[in-house]
C-alpha atoms as a PDB file:
ATOM      1  CA  MET A   1      11.816 134.093  48.666  1.00  0.00           C
ATOM      2  CA  VAL A   2      12.736 134.325  52.214  1.00  0.00           C
ATOM      3  CA  GLN A   3       9.394 135.942  53.238  1.00  0.00           C
ATOM      4  CA  ALA A   4       7.561 133.227  51.056  1.00  0.00           C
ATOM      5  CA  GLN A   5       9.375 130.535  53.154  1.00  0.00           C
ATOM      6  CA  ALA A   6       8.526 132.052  56.388  1.00  0.00           C
ATOM      7  CA  GLN A   7       4.853 132.327  55.206  1.00  0.00           C
ATOM      8  CA  GLY A   8       4.911 128.694  54.035  1.00  0.00           C
ATOM      9  CA  LEU A   9       4.078 129.467  50.517  1.00  0.00           C
ATOM     10  CA  PRO A  10       4.357 126.654  47.778  1.00  0.00           C
ATOM     11  CA  TYR A  11       5.716 129.071  45.448  1.00  0.00           C
ATOM     12  CA  ALA A  12       8.621 131.623  45.375  1.00  0.00           C
ATOM     13  CA  GLY A  13       6.695 134.458  46.665  1.00  0.00           C
ATOM     14  CA  SER A  14       4.872 137.560  45.879  1.00  0.00           C
ATOM     15  CA  VAL A  15       5.594 141.287  44.792  1.00  0.00           C
ATOM     16  CA  THR A  16       3.304 144.156  44.644  1.00  0.00           C
ATOM     17  CA  PRO A  17       2.396 145.964  41.516  1.00  0.00           C
ATOM     18  CA  LEU A  18       4.866 148.925  42.626  1.00  0.00           C
ATOM     19  CA  GLN A  19       7.752 146.552  43.124  1.00  0.00           C
ATOM     20  CA  ALA A  20       7.018 144.458  39.971  1.00  0.00           C
ATOM     21  CA  TRP A  21       7.048 147.571  37.463  1.00  0.00           C
ATOM     22  CA  PRO A  22      10.653 148.624  38.084  1.00  0.00           C
ATOM     23  CA  LEU A  23      11.824 145.113  37.557  1.00  0.00           C
ATOM     24  CA  VAL A  24      10.138 144.665  34.348  1.00  0.00           C
ATOM     25  CA  GLN A  25      11.081 148.090  33.323  1.00  0.00           C
ATOM     26  CA  GLN A  26      14.845 147.501  34.059  1.00  0.00           C
ATOM     27  CA  GLY A  27      14.674 144.003  32.183  1.00  0.00           C
ATOM     28  CA  GLN A  28      15.205 142.250  35.452  1.00  0.00           C
ATOM     29  CA  ALA A  29      12.103 140.268  35.346  1.00  0.00           C
ATOM     30  CA  LEU A  30       9.419 138.951  32.769  1.00  0.00           C
ATOM     31  CA  LEU A  31       5.775 139.994  33.258  1.00  0.00           C
ATOM     32  CA  VAL A  32       3.471 137.213  32.185  1.00  0.00           C
ATOM     33  CA  ASP A  33      -0.192 137.938  32.231  1.00  0.00           C
ATOM     34  CA  VAL A  34      -2.481 134.731  33.144  1.00  0.00           C
ATOM     35  CA  ARG A  35      -5.770 136.269  32.531  1.00  0.00           C
ATOM     36  CA  THR A  36      -8.137 135.250  29.698  1.00  0.00           C
ATOM     37  CA  ALA A  37      -7.357 136.681  26.305  1.00  0.00           C
ATOM     38  CA  GLU A  38     -10.698 138.403  26.738  1.00  0.00           C
ATOM     39  CA  GLU A  39      -9.867 140.234  29.978  1.00  0.00           C
ATOM     40  CA  ARG A  40      -6.762 141.322  28.363  1.00  0.00           C
ATOM     41  CA  LYS A  41      -8.566 142.769  25.578  1.00  0.00           C
ATOM     42  CA  PHE A  42     -11.557 144.388  27.060  1.00  0.00           C
ATOM     43  CA  VAL A  43     -10.071 145.452  30.594  1.00  0.00           C
ATOM     44  CA  GLY A  44      -6.539 146.220  29.602  1.00  0.00           C
ATOM     45  CA  GLN A  45      -3.065 144.993  29.605  1.00  0.00           C
ATOM     46  CA  VAL A  46       0.378 145.989  30.633  1.00  0.00           C
ATOM     47  CA  PRO A  47       2.433 147.027  27.386  1.00  0.00           C
ATOM     48  CA  GLY A  48       5.044 144.535  26.719  1.00  0.00           C
ATOM     49  CA  SER A  49       3.774 141.889  28.889  1.00  0.00           C
ATOM     50  CA  THR A  50       3.538 138.410  27.533  1.00  0.00           C
ATOM     51  CA  HIS A  51       0.457 136.016  27.866  1.00  0.00           C
ATOM     52  CA  VAL A  52       0.000 132.306  29.102  1.00  0.00           C
ATOM     53  CA  ALA A  53      -3.459 131.804  30.088  1.00  0.00           C
ATOM     54  CA  TRP A  54      -4.199 130.117  33.407  1.00  0.00           C
ATOM     55  CA  ALA A  55      -7.806 129.476  32.209  1.00  0.00           C
ATOM     56  CA  SER A  56      -9.916 130.495  29.296  1.00  0.00           C
ATOM     57  CA  GLY A  57     -13.537 131.583  28.502  1.00  0.00           C
ATOM     58  CA  THR A  58     -16.135 132.841  30.654  1.00  0.00           C
ATOM     59  CA  ALA A  59     -16.309 129.544  32.459  1.00  0.00           C
ATOM     60  CA  LEU A  60     -12.605 129.964  33.388  1.00  0.00           C
ATOM     61  CA  THR A  61     -11.852 126.411  32.130  1.00  0.00           C
ATOM     62  CA  ARG A  62      -8.366 125.577  33.409  1.00  0.00           C
ATOM     63  CA  ASN A  63      -5.561 125.576  30.853  1.00  0.00           C
ATOM     64  CA  PRO A  64      -3.898 121.987  31.212  1.00  0.00           C
ATOM     65  CA  ARG A  65      -0.975 123.095  29.295  1.00  0.00           C
ATOM     66  CA  PHE A  66      -0.184 126.162  31.332  1.00  0.00           C
ATOM     67  CA  ALA A  67       3.210 124.969  33.113  1.00  0.00           C
ATOM     68  CA  ARG A  68       4.336 123.656  29.819  1.00  0.00           C
ATOM     69  CA  GLU A  69       3.481 127.048  27.876  1.00  0.00           C
ATOM     70  CA  LEU A  70       5.133 128.934  30.656  1.00  0.00           C
ATOM     71  CA  ALA A  71       8.425 126.925  30.683  1.00  0.00           C
ATOM     72  CA  ALA A  72       8.493 127.127  26.676  1.00  0.00           C
ATOM     73  CA  LEU A  73       7.840 130.970  27.134  1.00  0.00           C
ATOM     74  CA  HIS A  74      10.809 131.074  29.607  1.00  0.00           C
ATOM     75  CA  ALA A  75      13.119 128.881  27.740  1.00  0.00           C
ATOM     76  CA  LYS A  76      12.867 131.408  24.715  1.00  0.00           C
ATOM     77  CA  GLN A  77      14.146 134.443  26.761  1.00  0.00           C
ATOM     78  CA  PRO A  78      17.860 135.314  26.045  1.00  0.00           C
ATOM     79  CA  GLN A  79      18.776 135.079  29.550  1.00  0.00           C
ATOM     80  CA  PRO A  80      16.933 133.437  32.505  1.00  0.00           C
ATOM     81  CA  LEU A  81      14.813 136.145  34.280  1.00  0.00           C
ATOM     82  CA  PRO A  82      12.514 135.707  37.337  1.00  0.00           C
ATOM     83  CA  VAL A  83       8.826 135.487  35.971  1.00  0.00           C
ATOM     84  CA  LEU A  84       6.067 137.572  37.610  1.00  0.00           C
ATOM     85  CA  LEU A  85       2.541 136.473  37.061  1.00  0.00           C
ATOM     86  CA  LEU A  86      -0.257 138.878  36.963  1.00  0.00           C
ATOM     87  CA  CYS A  87      -3.772 138.297  36.987  1.00  0.00           C
ATOM     88  CA  ARG A  88      -7.111 140.547  38.034  1.00  0.00           C
ATOM     89  CA  SER A  89      -6.778 140.469  41.706  1.00  0.00           C
ATOM     90  CA  GLY A  90      -3.575 138.130  42.686  1.00  0.00           C
ATOM     91  CA  LYS A  91      -5.705 135.058  43.252  1.00  0.00           C
ATOM     92  CA  ARG A  92      -5.404 133.179  40.013  1.00  0.00           C
ATOM     93  CA  SER A  93      -1.717 134.190  39.514  1.00  0.00           C
ATOM     94  CA  ALA A  94      -0.920 132.747  43.118  1.00  0.00           C
ATOM     95  CA  LEU A  95      -2.427 129.329  42.008  1.00  0.00           C
ATOM     96  CA  ALA A  96      -0.411 129.524  38.625  1.00  0.00           C
ATOM     97  CA  ALA A  97       2.651 130.229  40.672  1.00  0.00           C
ATOM     98  CA  GLN A  98       2.047 127.306  42.778  1.00  0.00           C
ATOM     99  CA  GLU A  99       1.430 125.129  39.575  1.00  0.00           C
ATOM    100  CA  ALA A 100       4.632 126.641  38.179  1.00  0.00           C
ATOM    101  CA  ALA A 101       6.659 125.650  41.268  1.00  0.00           C
ATOM    102  CA  LYS A 102       5.249 121.994  41.146  1.00  0.00           C
ATOM    103  CA  ALA A 103       6.281 121.673  37.690  1.00  0.00           C
ATOM    104  CA  GLY A 104       9.861 122.743  38.721  1.00  0.00           C
ATOM    105  CA  LEU A 105       9.932 126.439  37.734  1.00  0.00           C
ATOM    106  CA  ALA A 106      11.673 127.935  40.777  1.00  0.00           C
ATOM    107  CA  HIS A 107      11.660 131.607  40.187  1.00  0.00           C
ATOM    108  CA  VAL A 108       7.992 132.419  39.405  1.00  0.00           C
ATOM    109  CA  PHE A 109       6.306 134.950  41.536  1.00  0.00           C
ATOM    110  CA  ASN A 110       2.866 136.396  41.959  1.00  0.00           C
ATOM    111  CA  VAL A 111       1.949 140.007  41.525  1.00  0.00           C
ATOM    112  CA  SER A 112      -0.195 140.569  44.707  1.00  0.00           C
ATOM    113  CA  GLU A 113      -3.159 142.827  44.159  1.00  0.00           C
ATOM    114  CA  GLY A 114      -3.221 141.938  40.292  1.00  0.00           C
ATOM    115  CA  PHE A 115      -4.225 144.054  37.664  1.00  0.00           C
ATOM    116  CA  GLU A 116      -7.622 145.367  39.088  1.00  0.00           C
ATOM    117  CA  GLY A 117      -6.836 144.955  42.546  1.00  0.00           C
ATOM    118  CA  ASP A 118      -8.962 143.919  45.486  1.00  0.00           C
ATOM    119  CA  HIS A 119     -12.822 144.622  46.117  1.00  0.00           C
ATOM    120  CA  ASP A 120     -13.297 147.765  48.082  1.00  0.00           C
ATOM    121  CA  ALA A 121     -16.295 148.556  50.451  1.00  0.00           C
ATOM    122  CA  LEU A 122     -18.707 148.747  47.680  1.00  0.00           C
ATOM    123  CA  GLN A 123     -17.373 145.487  46.179  1.00  0.00           C
ATOM    124  CA  GLN A 124     -15.638 147.278  43.306  1.00  0.00           C
ATOM    125  CA  ARG A 125     -12.223 146.867  41.959  1.00  0.00           C
ATOM    126  CA  GLY A 126      -9.682 149.577  41.180  1.00  0.00           C
ATOM    127  CA  HIS A 127     -10.495 151.870  43.986  1.00  0.00           C
ATOM    128  CA  PHE A 128      -8.454 150.329  46.470  1.00  0.00           C
ATOM    129  CA  ASN A 129      -5.145 148.774  45.100  1.00  0.00           C
ATOM    130  CA  GLY A 130      -3.871 146.908  41.948  1.00  0.00           C
ATOM    131  CA  TRP A 131      -2.058 147.795  38.862  1.00  0.00           C
ATOM    132  CA  ARG A 132      -4.351 150.497  37.571  1.00  0.00           C
ATOM    133  CA  PHE A 133      -4.872 152.013  40.948  1.00  0.00           C
ATOM    134  CA  TYR A 134      -1.207 152.718  41.140  1.00  0.00           C
ATOM    135  CA  GLY A 135      -1.287 154.384  37.741  1.00  0.00           C
ATOM    136  CA  LEU A 136       1.242 152.067  36.357  1.00  0.00           C
ATOM    137  CA  PRO A 137       1.355 151.682  32.599  1.00  0.00           C
ATOM    138  CA  TRP A 138      -1.423 150.087  30.819  1.00  0.00           C
ATOM    139  CA  VAL A 139      -3.482 150.181  27.490  1.00  0.00           C
ATOM    140  CA  GLN A 140      -6.786 149.016  26.320  1.00  0.00           C
ATOM    141  CA  ASP A 141      -8.280 147.899  23.207  1.00  0.00           C
END
């Protein structure tokens, strides 16, 4: 959070996939996938992650209930935990973290690099960084 403040981020901050996984594994954070249901089904997802779509469909139509749905999910947890938002590359999840902060959710962080990572020199994902690149747990339908 200190780094986020120093960088002027409008949300709590970011963690890398390698920082996120131990927090989730140890029950110290809640991992919320903000990708579309289709992305989760066909590209893959992190076992045990929860889902609140930031947008839906191929047009990525913004979910106007995102902040309310995230707040409701967080409220259902037995104890308040920081929330880590995951998308494909870390860009949508950063926007989602910003929206959560505007809605008053203070401990919502972006997972930088996302599930598939950034583009490499050949404009392909998954060869440079991201959740899958690091060999972190994931499953695919």
